[in-house]
């Protein structure tokens, strides 16, 4: 035991260990994810005793936490700190803060009062890495024209090859209707959800797909997944294809889905859309021609998952096991501002 933070710095976690200028350093967050702060410990002896100093806190900014993270130095002699902010439904968003060394202590962010404790910054000059790079964002839209899924996609559980596959130059991703687990009461424990993180605070996502339903009870949907979730789906029931709205509050506590807004579809081709507005409020709609969209269900407020943000994507399910299950071919998925 080299440091016990219970009295002044509870919930010390995620430590990073460094050596610089004759000191051993332990960087760690304390105080919990949302209300917490960054501390640094230092000692000339690896076993201590360690001095402790608060080196970054939220201060008067709207950036909560500043949590976990790591020191990065560049070839040009600059120092930076990577950390995350907990934005609930929007996940744990990565921040880059300037860092400097003052009297062999790190100061992270801007220390306008000269106390040795910095505050995180919202904007700042870019690191000097020897050249300029264009502004880029991680991928989100997908035309499904390659032999592999884009890196933005994440399965809800460890991938099984029978869940689906890209078609390559045929231009779609096929999701197979996988049997619901016998003990599943909602989507929380369904493994074959194909999801990605929210790309922005406000956006619209639209997808085109073709539903090849072969048996009653087969279903495919566009879902915003979290401890609460909402979805728009199509299901075959009594040999008829219907679109419906789904909402589940407290999915992680085994709550049941509420279904509303059922409507018959005339075609196996359907367009799903969700608009995510301020405060992660989601509105679902659907279309049969890709131009005229009909809202379905009530607005739904997205909620984070367990230690992750809400995610957006697809599922394809069925009741019971068969060797000739239906599927859904996702033609494209597009994000707009």
C-alpha atoms as a PDB file:
ATOM      1  CA  UNK A   1       0.000   0.000   0.000  1.00  0.00           C
ATOM      2  CA  UNK A   2       1.599   3.244  -1.164  1.00  0.00           C
ATOM      3  CA  UNK A   3      -1.412   5.587  -0.979  1.00  0.00           C
ATOM      4  CA  UNK A   4      -4.821   5.522   0.698  1.00  0.00           C
ATOM      5  CA  UNK A   5      -7.134   8.194  -0.680  1.00  0.00           C
ATOM      6  CA  UNK A   6     -10.232   7.477   1.403  1.00  0.00           C
ATOM      7  CA  UNK A   7     -10.026  10.667   3.496  1.00  0.00           C
ATOM      8  CA  UNK A   8      -9.443  13.390   0.865  1.00  0.00           C
ATOM      9  CA  UNK A   9      -9.457  11.580  -2.472  1.00  0.00           C
ATOM     10  CA  UNK A  10     -11.993   8.721  -2.449  1.00  0.00           C
ATOM     11  CA  UNK A  11     -12.411   6.331  -5.366  1.00  0.00           C
ATOM     12  CA  UNK A  12      -8.850   6.554  -6.656  1.00  0.00           C
ATOM     13  CA  UNK A  13      -8.700   4.368  -9.776  1.00  0.00           C
ATOM     14  CA  UNK A  14      -7.213   4.006 -13.242  1.00  0.00           C
ATOM     15  CA  UNK A  15      -3.621   4.827 -12.221  1.00  0.00           C
ATOM     16  CA  UNK A  16      -0.794   5.521 -14.679  1.00  0.00           C
ATOM     17  CA  UNK A  17       2.819   5.150 -13.552  1.00  0.00           C
ATOM     18  CA  UNK A  18       5.698   7.308 -14.813  1.00  0.00           C
ATOM     19  CA  UNK A  19       9.242   8.299 -13.947  1.00  0.00           C
ATOM     20  CA  UNK A  20      10.567  11.799 -14.713  1.00  0.00           C
ATOM     21  CA  UNK A  21      13.426  13.934 -13.466  1.00  0.00           C
ATOM     22  CA  UNK A  22      14.196  11.632 -10.532  1.00  0.00           C
ATOM     23  CA  UNK A  23      10.573  11.288  -9.354  1.00  0.00           C
ATOM     24  CA  UNK A  24       8.168   8.379  -9.595  1.00  0.00           C
ATOM     25  CA  UNK A  25       4.665   9.617 -10.476  1.00  0.00           C
ATOM     26  CA  UNK A  26       1.230   8.055 -10.193  1.00  0.00           C
ATOM     27  CA  UNK A  27      -1.475   9.886 -12.147  1.00  0.00           C
ATOM     28  CA  UNK A  28      -5.020   8.893 -11.137  1.00  0.00           C
ATOM     29  CA  UNK A  29      -8.583  10.225 -11.044  1.00  0.00           C
ATOM     30  CA  UNK A  30     -10.422  10.490  -7.733  1.00  0.00           C
ATOM     31  CA  UNK A  31     -13.858  11.443  -6.468  1.00  0.00           C
ATOM     32  CA  UNK A  32     -15.904   9.334  -8.902  1.00  0.00           C
ATOM     33  CA  UNK A  33     -16.536   9.591 -12.638  1.00  0.00           C
ATOM     34  CA  UNK A  34     -18.842  12.613 -12.971  1.00  0.00           C
ATOM     35  CA  UNK A  35     -17.935  14.748  -9.898  1.00  0.00           C
ATOM     36  CA  UNK A  36     -14.263  13.782  -9.717  1.00  0.00           C
ATOM     37  CA  UNK A  37     -10.834  15.310 -10.323  1.00  0.00           C
ATOM     38  CA  UNK A  38      -7.268  14.348 -11.266  1.00  0.00           C
ATOM     39  CA  UNK A  39      -4.519  13.856  -8.709  1.00  0.00           C
ATOM     40  CA  UNK A  40      -0.811  13.254  -9.105  1.00  0.00           C
ATOM     41  CA  UNK A  41       1.391  11.457  -6.578  1.00  0.00           C
ATOM     42  CA  UNK A  42       5.172  11.764  -6.538  1.00  0.00           C
ATOM     43  CA  UNK A  43       8.065  10.241  -4.639  1.00  0.00           C
ATOM     44  CA  UNK A  44      11.814   9.781  -4.997  1.00  0.00           C
ATOM     45  CA  UNK A  45      11.294   6.168  -3.851  1.00  0.00           C
ATOM     46  CA  UNK A  46       9.050   3.828  -5.782  1.00  0.00           C
ATOM     47  CA  UNK A  47       7.558   2.529  -2.526  1.00  0.00           C
ATOM     48  CA  UNK A  48       6.881   6.032  -1.181  1.00  0.00           C
ATOM     49  CA  UNK A  49       6.016   7.896   0.852  1.00  0.00           C
ATOM     50  CA  UNK A  50       4.137   9.805  -1.877  1.00  0.00           C
ATOM     51  CA  UNK A  51       3.168  13.458  -1.877  1.00  0.00           C
ATOM     52  CA  UNK A  52      -0.248  14.181  -3.422  1.00  0.00           C
ATOM     53  CA  UNK A  53      -1.555  17.180  -5.347  1.00  0.00           C
ATOM     54  CA  UNK A  54      -4.816  17.896  -7.183  1.00  0.00           C
ATOM     55  CA  UNK A  55      -3.700  18.788 -10.727  1.00  0.00           C
ATOM     56  CA  UNK A  56      -7.018  19.178 -12.621  1.00  0.00           C
ATOM     57  CA  UNK A  57     -10.646  19.679 -11.657  1.00  0.00           C
ATOM     58  CA  UNK A  58     -13.832  20.835 -13.380  1.00  0.00           C
ATOM     59  CA  UNK A  59     -13.672  24.232 -11.668  1.00  0.00           C
ATOM     60  CA  UNK A  60     -16.114  26.695 -13.229  1.00  0.00           C
ATOM     61  CA  UNK A  61     -16.252  24.824 -16.536  1.00  0.00           C
ATOM     62  CA  UNK A  62     -19.147  22.666 -17.800  1.00  0.00           C
ATOM     63  CA  UNK A  63     -16.765  19.727 -18.336  1.00  0.00           C
ATOM     64  CA  UNK A  64     -17.524  17.263 -15.552  1.00  0.00           C
ATOM     65  CA  UNK A  65     -15.205  14.639 -14.203  1.00  0.00           C
ATOM     66  CA  UNK A  66     -12.169  15.068 -15.916  1.00  0.00           C
ATOM     67  CA  UNK A  67     -11.585  11.352 -15.515  1.00  0.00           C
ATOM     68  CA  UNK A  68      -8.799   8.821 -16.015  1.00  0.00           C
ATOM     69  CA  UNK A  69      -6.492   9.505 -18.951  1.00  0.00           C
ATOM     70  CA  UNK A  70      -2.761   9.618 -19.591  1.00  0.00           C
ATOM     71  CA  UNK A  71       0.180  11.954 -20.143  1.00  0.00           C
ATOM     72  CA  UNK A  72       1.512  12.146 -23.709  1.00  0.00           C
ATOM     73  CA  UNK A  73       4.670  13.998 -24.756  1.00  0.00           C
ATOM     74  CA  UNK A  74       5.591  14.884 -28.326  1.00  0.00           C
ATOM     75  CA  UNK A  75       8.844  14.979 -30.272  1.00  0.00           C
ATOM     76  CA  UNK A  76       8.522  18.773 -30.341  1.00  0.00           C
ATOM     77  CA  UNK A  77       8.656  18.947 -26.530  1.00  0.00           C
ATOM     78  CA  UNK A  78       4.970  19.543 -25.829  1.00  0.00           C
ATOM     79  CA  UNK A  79       2.986  17.812 -23.078  1.00  0.00           C
ATOM     80  CA  UNK A  80      -0.673  16.810 -23.354  1.00  0.00           C
ATOM     81  CA  UNK A  81      -3.202  14.881 -21.338  1.00  0.00           C
ATOM     82  CA  UNK A  82      -5.943  12.587 -22.638  1.00  0.00           C
ATOM     83  CA  UNK A  83      -9.004  12.159 -20.426  1.00  0.00           C
ATOM     84  CA  UNK A  84     -12.711  11.525 -20.749  1.00  0.00           C
ATOM     85  CA  UNK A  85     -15.889  13.335 -19.734  1.00  0.00           C
ATOM     86  CA  UNK A  86     -19.023  11.384 -18.822  1.00  0.00           C
ATOM     87  CA  UNK A  87     -21.924  12.643 -20.949  1.00  0.00           C
ATOM     88  CA  UNK A  88     -24.372   9.870 -19.995  1.00  0.00           C
ATOM     89  CA  UNK A  89     -26.331   8.933 -23.141  1.00  0.00           C
ATOM     90  CA  UNK A  90     -23.522  10.339 -25.298  1.00  0.00           C
ATOM     91  CA  UNK A  91     -20.942   8.154 -23.612  1.00  0.00           C
ATOM     92  CA  UNK A  92     -17.527   8.966 -22.265  1.00  0.00           C
ATOM     93  CA  UNK A  93     -16.169  11.572 -24.634  1.00  0.00           C
ATOM     94  CA  UNK A  94     -12.418  11.914 -25.129  1.00  0.00           C
ATOM     95  CA  UNK A  95     -10.741  15.262 -24.398  1.00  0.00           C
ATOM     96  CA  UNK A  96      -7.225  16.525 -25.121  1.00  0.00           C
ATOM     97  CA  UNK A  97      -5.878  19.034 -22.599  1.00  0.00           C
ATOM     98  CA  UNK A  98      -2.599  20.962 -22.569  1.00  0.00           C
ATOM     99  CA  UNK A  99      -0.218  20.030 -19.772  1.00  0.00           C
ATOM    100  CA  UNK A 100       2.914  21.642 -18.371  1.00  0.00           C
ATOM    101  CA  UNK A 101       5.398  20.858 -15.633  1.00  0.00           C
ATOM    102  CA  UNK A 102       5.748  23.428 -12.831  1.00  0.00           C
ATOM    103  CA  UNK A 103       8.218  22.706 -10.008  1.00  0.00           C
ATOM    104  CA  UNK A 104       8.163  19.020 -10.988  1.00  0.00           C
ATOM    105  CA  UNK A 105       4.358  18.831 -10.717  1.00  0.00           C
ATOM    106  CA  UNK A 106       2.062  18.366 -13.718  1.00  0.00           C
ATOM    107  CA  UNK A 107      -0.543  21.084 -14.282  1.00  0.00           C
ATOM    108  CA  UNK A 108      -3.314  19.933 -16.622  1.00  0.00           C
ATOM    109  CA  UNK A 109      -5.597  22.315 -18.513  1.00  0.00           C
ATOM    110  CA  UNK A 110      -5.491  26.068 -17.839  1.00  0.00           C
ATOM    111  CA  UNK A 111      -4.395  27.293 -14.403  1.00  0.00           C
ATOM    112  CA  UNK A 112      -5.615  30.893 -14.633  1.00  0.00           C
ATOM    113  CA  UNK A 113      -5.470  31.433 -10.836  1.00  0.00           C
ATOM    114  CA  UNK A 114      -1.949  30.058 -10.471  1.00  0.00           C
ATOM    115  CA  UNK A 115      -2.938  27.485  -7.853  1.00  0.00           C
ATOM    116  CA  UNK A 116      -1.273  24.523  -9.568  1.00  0.00           C
ATOM    117  CA  UNK A 117      -4.688  22.998 -10.323  1.00  0.00           C
ATOM    118  CA  UNK A 118      -5.833  23.385 -13.906  1.00  0.00           C
ATOM    119  CA  UNK A 119      -9.306  23.388 -15.454  1.00  0.00           C
ATOM    120  CA  UNK A 120     -10.136  21.493 -18.655  1.00  0.00           C
ATOM    121  CA  UNK A 121     -10.394  23.489 -21.878  1.00  0.00           C
ATOM    122  CA  UNK A 122     -13.134  23.380 -24.498  1.00  0.00           C
ATOM    123  CA  UNK A 123     -10.948  24.687 -27.343  1.00  0.00           C
ATOM    124  CA  UNK A 124      -7.195  25.089 -27.701  1.00  0.00           C
ATOM    125  CA  UNK A 125      -4.456  25.168 -30.322  1.00  0.00           C
ATOM    126  CA  UNK A 126      -3.579  21.836 -31.887  1.00  0.00           C
ATOM    127  CA  UNK A 127      -0.470  19.906 -30.820  1.00  0.00           C
ATOM    128  CA  UNK A 128       2.666  20.588 -32.844  1.00  0.00           C
ATOM    129  CA  UNK A 129       3.382  17.197 -34.405  1.00  0.00           C
ATOM    130  CA  UNK A 130       5.607  18.454 -37.209  1.00  0.00           C
ATOM    131  CA  UNK A 131       2.973  18.900 -39.907  1.00  0.00           C
ATOM    132  CA  UNK A 132      -0.682  19.752 -40.487  1.00  0.00           C
ATOM    133  CA  UNK A 133      -3.468  17.236 -40.895  1.00  0.00           C
ATOM    134  CA  UNK A 134      -7.004  17.774 -42.242  1.00  0.00           C
ATOM    135  CA  UNK A 135      -9.907  17.831 -39.806  1.00  0.00           C
ATOM    136  CA  UNK A 136     -11.454  14.374 -39.729  1.00  0.00           C
ATOM    137  CA  UNK A 137     -14.192  12.615 -37.801  1.00  0.00           C
ATOM    138  CA  UNK A 138     -14.547   8.890 -37.104  1.00  0.00           C
ATOM    139  CA  UNK A 139     -16.674   7.027 -39.688  1.00  0.00           C
ATOM    140  CA  UNK A 140     -20.412   6.639 -39.088  1.00  0.00           C
ATOM    141  CA  UNK A 141     -22.319   6.270 -42.397  1.00  0.00           C
ATOM    142  CA  UNK A 142     -21.876   2.996 -44.252  1.00  0.00           C
ATOM    143  CA  UNK A 143     -22.841   1.934 -47.771  1.00  0.00           C
ATOM    144  CA  UNK A 144     -21.851  -1.704 -47.000  1.00  0.00           C
ATOM    145  CA  UNK A 145     -19.900  -2.032 -50.238  1.00  0.00           C
ATOM    146  CA  UNK A 146     -16.835  -3.815 -48.818  1.00  0.00           C
ATOM    147  CA  UNK A 147     -15.991  -7.265 -47.516  1.00  0.00           C
ATOM    148  CA  UNK A 148     -15.679  -6.083 -43.913  1.00  0.00           C
ATOM    149  CA  UNK A 149     -17.744  -4.066 -41.482  1.00  0.00           C
ATOM    150  CA  UNK A 150     -16.496  -0.556 -40.823  1.00  0.00           C
ATOM    151  CA  UNK A 151     -14.684   0.048 -37.547  1.00  0.00           C
ATOM    152  CA  UNK A 152     -17.617   2.109 -36.259  1.00  0.00           C
ATOM    153  CA  UNK A 153     -19.710  -1.041 -35.781  1.00  0.00           C
ATOM    154  CA  UNK A 154     -19.697  -3.028 -32.545  1.00  0.00           C
ATOM    155  CA  UNK A 155     -21.616  -6.209 -31.751  1.00  0.00           C
ATOM    156  CA  UNK A 156     -23.455  -6.307 -28.428  1.00  0.00           C
ATOM    157  CA  UNK A 157     -21.629  -9.537 -27.538  1.00  0.00           C
ATOM    158  CA  UNK A 158     -18.897 -11.748 -28.987  1.00  0.00           C
ATOM    159  CA  UNK A 159     -19.599 -12.145 -32.705  1.00  0.00           C
ATOM    160  CA  UNK A 160     -20.915 -15.414 -34.121  1.00  0.00           C
ATOM    161  CA  UNK A 161     -20.563 -15.996 -37.871  1.00  0.00           C
ATOM    162  CA  UNK A 162     -24.223 -16.960 -38.322  1.00  0.00           C
ATOM    163  CA  UNK A 163     -25.432 -13.532 -37.166  1.00  0.00           C
ATOM    164  CA  UNK A 164     -24.685 -11.842 -40.488  1.00  0.00           C
ATOM    165  CA  UNK A 165     -22.099 -10.988 -43.094  1.00  0.00           C
ATOM    166  CA  UNK A 166     -21.140  -8.290 -45.629  1.00  0.00           C
ATOM    167  CA  UNK A 167     -21.945  -9.016 -49.259  1.00  0.00           C
ATOM    168  CA  UNK A 168     -18.955  -7.149 -50.705  1.00  0.00           C
ATOM    169  CA  UNK A 169     -19.646  -5.704 -54.129  1.00  0.00           C
ATOM    170  CA  UNK A 170     -23.330  -6.663 -53.908  1.00  0.00           C
ATOM    171  CA  UNK A 171     -23.699  -3.658 -51.623  1.00  0.00           C
ATOM    172  CA  UNK A 172     -25.521  -4.774 -48.486  1.00  0.00           C
ATOM    173  CA  UNK A 173     -24.984  -6.308 -45.054  1.00  0.00           C
ATOM    174  CA  UNK A 174     -27.184  -9.315 -44.348  1.00  0.00           C
ATOM    175  CA  UNK A 175     -28.534  -9.789 -40.839  1.00  0.00           C
ATOM    176  CA  UNK A 176     -30.008 -13.213 -40.169  1.00  0.00           C
ATOM    177  CA  UNK A 177     -33.011 -13.608 -37.898  1.00  0.00           C
ATOM    178  CA  UNK A 178     -31.449 -15.330 -34.880  1.00  0.00           C
ATOM    179  CA  UNK A 179     -33.642 -17.144 -32.303  1.00  0.00           C
ATOM    180  CA  UNK A 180     -34.412 -15.137 -29.190  1.00  0.00           C
ATOM    181  CA  UNK A 181     -32.863 -16.741 -26.105  1.00  0.00           C
ATOM    182  CA  UNK A 182     -35.539 -18.504 -24.070  1.00  0.00           C
ATOM    183  CA  UNK A 183     -34.863 -16.350 -21.018  1.00  0.00           C
ATOM    184  CA  UNK A 184     -34.720 -12.992 -22.844  1.00  0.00           C
ATOM    185  CA  UNK A 185     -37.482 -10.584 -21.825  1.00  0.00           C
ATOM    186  CA  UNK A 186     -36.139  -7.652 -23.865  1.00  0.00           C
ATOM    187  CA  UNK A 187     -33.081  -6.671 -25.941  1.00  0.00           C
ATOM    188  CA  UNK A 188     -30.724  -6.111 -22.982  1.00  0.00           C
ATOM    189  CA  UNK A 189     -29.310  -9.660 -23.127  1.00  0.00           C
ATOM    190  CA  UNK A 190     -29.694 -10.163 -26.885  1.00  0.00           C
ATOM    191  CA  UNK A 191     -26.183 -10.693 -28.305  1.00  0.00           C
ATOM    192  CA  UNK A 192     -26.697 -10.060 -32.031  1.00  0.00           C
ATOM    193  CA  UNK A 193     -27.214  -6.282 -31.950  1.00  0.00           C
ATOM    194  CA  UNK A 194     -25.100  -4.465 -34.559  1.00  0.00           C
ATOM    195  CA  UNK A 195     -24.466  -1.031 -33.029  1.00  0.00           C
ATOM    196  CA  UNK A 196     -22.325   2.091 -33.138  1.00  0.00           C
ATOM    197  CA  UNK A 197     -21.793   5.034 -30.792  1.00  0.00           C
ATOM    198  CA  UNK A 198     -23.663   8.327 -31.144  1.00  0.00           C
ATOM    199  CA  UNK A 199     -21.552  10.491 -33.506  1.00  0.00           C
ATOM    200  CA  UNK A 200     -22.779  13.903 -32.302  1.00  0.00           C
ATOM    201  CA  UNK A 201     -25.152  15.577 -29.802  1.00  0.00           C
ATOM    202  CA  UNK A 202     -27.766  16.080 -32.542  1.00  0.00           C
ATOM    203  CA  UNK A 203     -28.073  14.104 -35.794  1.00  0.00           C
ATOM    204  CA  UNK A 204     -30.391  12.107 -38.039  1.00  0.00           C
ATOM    205  CA  UNK A 205     -29.756   8.477 -39.028  1.00  0.00           C
ATOM    206  CA  UNK A 206     -31.572   6.839 -41.945  1.00  0.00           C
ATOM    207  CA  UNK A 207     -31.273   3.277 -43.221  1.00  0.00           C
ATOM    208  CA  UNK A 208     -32.690   1.368 -46.169  1.00  0.00           C
ATOM    209  CA  UNK A 209     -33.252  -2.365 -45.892  1.00  0.00           C
ATOM    210  CA  UNK A 210     -35.120  -5.266 -47.468  1.00  0.00           C
ATOM    211  CA  UNK A 211     -36.848  -7.684 -45.111  1.00  0.00           C
ATOM    212  CA  UNK A 212     -37.018 -11.306 -46.303  1.00  0.00           C
ATOM    213  CA  UNK A 213     -39.427 -12.669 -43.697  1.00  0.00           C
ATOM    214  CA  UNK A 214     -40.090 -16.373 -44.189  1.00  0.00           C
ATOM    215  CA  UNK A 215     -42.031 -17.204 -41.012  1.00  0.00           C
ATOM    216  CA  UNK A 216     -44.276 -15.482 -38.519  1.00  0.00           C
ATOM    217  CA  UNK A 217     -42.415 -14.053 -35.545  1.00  0.00           C
ATOM    218  CA  UNK A 218     -39.399 -12.828 -37.535  1.00  0.00           C
ATOM    219  CA  UNK A 219     -38.458  -9.225 -36.850  1.00  0.00           C
ATOM    220  CA  UNK A 220     -35.830  -6.618 -37.765  1.00  0.00           C
ATOM    221  CA  UNK A 221     -35.441  -3.196 -36.218  1.00  0.00           C
ATOM    222  CA  UNK A 222     -33.475   0.026 -35.837  1.00  0.00           C
ATOM    223  CA  UNK A 223     -32.764   0.521 -32.127  1.00  0.00           C
ATOM    224  CA  UNK A 224     -31.281   3.158 -29.817  1.00  0.00           C
ATOM    225  CA  UNK A 225     -29.902   0.867 -27.127  1.00  0.00           C
ATOM    226  CA  UNK A 226     -29.177   1.545 -23.478  1.00  0.00           C
ATOM    227  CA  UNK A 227     -30.599   0.825 -20.028  1.00  0.00           C
ATOM    228  CA  UNK A 228     -33.731   2.291 -21.599  1.00  0.00           C
ATOM    229  CA  UNK A 229     -34.197   1.737 -25.316  1.00  0.00           C
ATOM    230  CA  UNK A 230     -36.476   2.613 -28.189  1.00  0.00           C
ATOM    231  CA  UNK A 231     -36.837   1.116 -31.658  1.00  0.00           C
ATOM    232  CA  UNK A 232     -38.799   1.016 -34.868  1.00  0.00           C
ATOM    233  CA  UNK A 233     -39.173  -2.462 -36.309  1.00  0.00           C
ATOM    234  CA  UNK A 234     -40.942  -4.577 -38.894  1.00  0.00           C
ATOM    235  CA  UNK A 235     -42.325  -7.981 -37.957  1.00  0.00           C
ATOM    236  CA  UNK A 236     -44.170 -10.739 -39.767  1.00  0.00           C
ATOM    237  CA  UNK A 237     -47.390 -11.625 -37.942  1.00  0.00           C
ATOM    238  CA  UNK A 238     -50.198 -13.798 -39.379  1.00  0.00           C
ATOM    239  CA  UNK A 239     -48.350 -13.712 -42.748  1.00  0.00           C
ATOM    240  CA  UNK A 240     -48.552  -9.893 -42.804  1.00  0.00           C
ATOM    241  CA  UNK A 241     -45.611  -7.473 -42.481  1.00  0.00           C
ATOM    242  CA  UNK A 242     -46.214  -4.729 -39.927  1.00  0.00           C
ATOM    243  CA  UNK A 243     -44.142  -1.791 -38.709  1.00  0.00           C
ATOM    244  CA  UNK A 244     -44.280  -0.913 -35.031  1.00  0.00           C
ATOM    245  CA  UNK A 245     -42.795   1.303 -32.339  1.00  0.00           C
ATOM    246  CA  UNK A 246     -41.064  -0.210 -29.299  1.00  0.00           C
ATOM    247  CA  UNK A 247     -40.008   1.311 -25.989  1.00  0.00           C
ATOM    248  CA  UNK A 248     -38.465  -0.349 -22.943  1.00  0.00           C
ATOM    249  CA  UNK A 249     -37.756   1.483 -19.694  1.00  0.00           C
ATOM    250  CA  UNK A 250     -35.247  -0.116 -17.272  1.00  0.00           C
ATOM    251  CA  UNK A 251     -34.260  -2.825 -19.699  1.00  0.00           C
ATOM    252  CA  UNK A 252     -31.312  -3.705 -17.462  1.00  0.00           C
ATOM    253  CA  UNK A 253     -33.804  -4.598 -14.706  1.00  0.00           C
ATOM    254  CA  UNK A 254     -35.693  -7.077 -16.942  1.00  0.00           C
ATOM    255  CA  UNK A 255     -38.596  -4.754 -17.765  1.00  0.00           C
ATOM    256  CA  UNK A 256     -40.845  -5.740 -20.642  1.00  0.00           C
ATOM    257  CA  UNK A 257     -41.172  -3.873 -23.931  1.00  0.00           C
ATOM    258  CA  UNK A 258     -44.129  -1.636 -24.660  1.00  0.00           C
ATOM    259  CA  UNK A 259     -45.333  -1.830 -28.266  1.00  0.00           C
ATOM    260  CA  UNK A 260     -47.376   0.832 -30.019  1.00  0.00           C
ATOM    261  CA  UNK A 261     -48.080   2.330 -33.410  1.00  0.00           C
ATOM    262  CA  UNK A 262     -48.498  -0.871 -35.440  1.00  0.00           C
ATOM    263  CA  UNK A 263     -49.187  -0.382 -39.162  1.00  0.00           C
ATOM    264  CA  UNK A 264     -49.307  -2.761 -42.138  1.00  0.00           C
ATOM    265  CA  UNK A 265     -46.610  -2.449 -44.824  1.00  0.00           C
ATOM    266  CA  UNK A 266     -47.214  -3.049 -48.518  1.00  0.00           C
ATOM    267  CA  UNK A 267     -43.594  -3.770 -49.440  1.00  0.00           C
ATOM    268  CA  UNK A 268     -40.603  -5.721 -48.113  1.00  0.00           C
ATOM    269  CA  UNK A 269     -38.437  -2.606 -48.641  1.00  0.00           C
ATOM    270  CA  UNK A 270     -38.528  -0.168 -45.732  1.00  0.00           C
ATOM    271  CA  UNK A 271     -36.634   2.944 -44.665  1.00  0.00           C
ATOM    272  CA  UNK A 272     -36.020   3.490 -40.961  1.00  0.00           C
ATOM    273  CA  UNK A 273     -35.113   6.874 -39.495  1.00  0.00           C
ATOM    274  CA  UNK A 274     -34.328   8.247 -36.065  1.00  0.00           C
ATOM    275  CA  UNK A 275     -33.731  11.913 -35.270  1.00  0.00           C
ATOM    276  CA  UNK A 276     -31.666  12.508 -32.133  1.00  0.00           C
ATOM    277  CA  UNK A 277     -32.227  16.008 -30.800  1.00  0.00           C
ATOM    278  CA  UNK A 278     -30.996  18.080 -27.877  1.00  0.00           C
ATOM    279  CA  UNK A 279     -30.738  16.123 -24.668  1.00  0.00           C
ATOM    280  CA  UNK A 280     -30.674  12.800 -26.576  1.00  0.00           C
ATOM    281  CA  UNK A 281     -34.401  12.923 -27.330  1.00  0.00           C
ATOM    282  CA  UNK A 282     -35.148  10.453 -30.143  1.00  0.00           C
ATOM    283  CA  UNK A 283     -38.009  10.473 -32.656  1.00  0.00           C
ATOM    284  CA  UNK A 284     -38.532   7.440 -34.911  1.00  0.00           C
ATOM    285  CA  UNK A 285     -40.143   7.338 -38.340  1.00  0.00           C
ATOM    286  CA  UNK A 286     -40.406   5.043 -41.351  1.00  0.00           C
ATOM    287  CA  UNK A 287     -41.028   5.253 -45.085  1.00  0.00           C
ATOM    288  CA  UNK A 288     -41.816   2.924 -47.964  1.00  0.00           C
ATOM    289  CA  UNK A 289     -40.450   5.202 -50.709  1.00  0.00           C
ATOM    290  CA  UNK A 290     -37.506   6.914 -48.989  1.00  0.00           C
ATOM    291  CA  UNK A 291     -39.070  10.368 -49.402  1.00  0.00           C
ATOM    292  CA  UNK A 292     -42.215  10.549 -47.290  1.00  0.00           C
ATOM    293  CA  UNK A 293     -41.604   9.567 -43.672  1.00  0.00           C
ATOM    294  CA  UNK A 294     -44.274   8.843 -41.068  1.00  0.00           C
ATOM    295  CA  UNK A 295     -43.542   9.361 -37.379  1.00  0.00           C
ATOM    296  CA  UNK A 296     -44.293   6.401 -35.172  1.00  0.00           C
ATOM    297  CA  UNK A 297     -44.529   6.139 -31.406  1.00  0.00           C
ATOM    298  CA  UNK A 298     -43.805   8.836 -28.851  1.00  0.00           C
ATOM    299  CA  UNK A 299     -40.472  10.662 -28.467  1.00  0.00           C
ATOM    300  CA  UNK A 300     -37.998   8.619 -26.463  1.00  0.00           C
ATOM    301  CA  UNK A 301     -35.107   9.927 -24.340  1.00  0.00           C
ATOM    302  CA  UNK A 302     -31.971   7.837 -24.839  1.00  0.00           C
ATOM    303  CA  UNK A 303     -30.194   6.565 -21.772  1.00  0.00           C
ATOM    304  CA  UNK A 304     -26.657   5.293 -21.322  1.00  0.00           C
ATOM    305  CA  UNK A 305     -25.738   1.626 -21.090  1.00  0.00           C
ATOM    306  CA  UNK A 306     -23.612   0.123 -18.340  1.00  0.00           C
ATOM    307  CA  UNK A 307     -20.455   2.288 -18.284  1.00  0.00           C
ATOM    308  CA  UNK A 308     -21.020   3.155 -21.966  1.00  0.00           C
ATOM    309  CA  UNK A 309     -23.158   5.616 -23.875  1.00  0.00           C
ATOM    310  CA  UNK A 310     -26.296   4.776 -25.803  1.00  0.00           C
ATOM    311  CA  UNK A 311     -25.706   3.048 -29.130  1.00  0.00           C
ATOM    312  CA  UNK A 312     -27.582   3.012 -32.409  1.00  0.00           C
ATOM    313  CA  UNK A 313     -27.996   0.128 -34.838  1.00  0.00           C
ATOM    314  CA  UNK A 314     -29.851  -2.982 -35.909  1.00  0.00           C
ATOM    315  CA  UNK A 315     -31.154  -6.332 -34.744  1.00  0.00           C
ATOM    316  CA  UNK A 316     -32.808  -9.296 -36.458  1.00  0.00           C
ATOM    317  CA  UNK A 317     -34.648 -11.920 -34.383  1.00  0.00           C
ATOM    318  CA  UNK A 318     -37.154 -14.741 -34.630  1.00  0.00           C
ATOM    319  CA  UNK A 319     -39.153 -17.050 -32.412  1.00  0.00           C
ATOM    320  CA  UNK A 320     -37.832 -20.624 -32.376  1.00  0.00           C
ATOM    321  CA  UNK A 321     -35.159 -22.434 -34.365  1.00  0.00           C
ATOM    322  CA  UNK A 322     -35.305 -23.326 -38.052  1.00  0.00           C
ATOM    323  CA  UNK A 323     -32.814 -24.095 -40.804  1.00  0.00           C
ATOM    324  CA  UNK A 324     -34.462 -21.613 -43.183  1.00  0.00           C
ATOM    325  CA  UNK A 325     -34.810 -18.408 -41.165  1.00  0.00           C
ATOM    326  CA  UNK A 326     -35.507 -15.027 -42.710  1.00  0.00           C
ATOM    327  CA  UNK A 327     -33.061 -12.131 -42.933  1.00  0.00           C
ATOM    328  CA  UNK A 328     -32.703  -8.414 -43.583  1.00  0.00           C
ATOM    329  CA  UNK A 329     -30.365  -6.887 -46.178  1.00  0.00           C
ATOM    330  CA  UNK A 330     -29.220  -3.443 -45.013  1.00  0.00           C
ATOM    331  CA  UNK A 331     -28.547  -1.456 -48.198  1.00  0.00           C
ATOM    332  CA  UNK A 332     -27.094   1.611 -46.474  1.00  0.00           C
ATOM    333  CA  UNK A 333     -26.923   3.568 -43.221  1.00  0.00           C
ATOM    334  CA  UNK A 334     -26.425   7.349 -43.415  1.00  0.00           C
ATOM    335  CA  UNK A 335     -25.830  10.038 -40.816  1.00  0.00           C
ATOM    336  CA  UNK A 336     -26.821  13.668 -41.472  1.00  0.00           C
ATOM    337  CA  UNK A 337     -26.351  16.795 -39.370  1.00  0.00           C
END
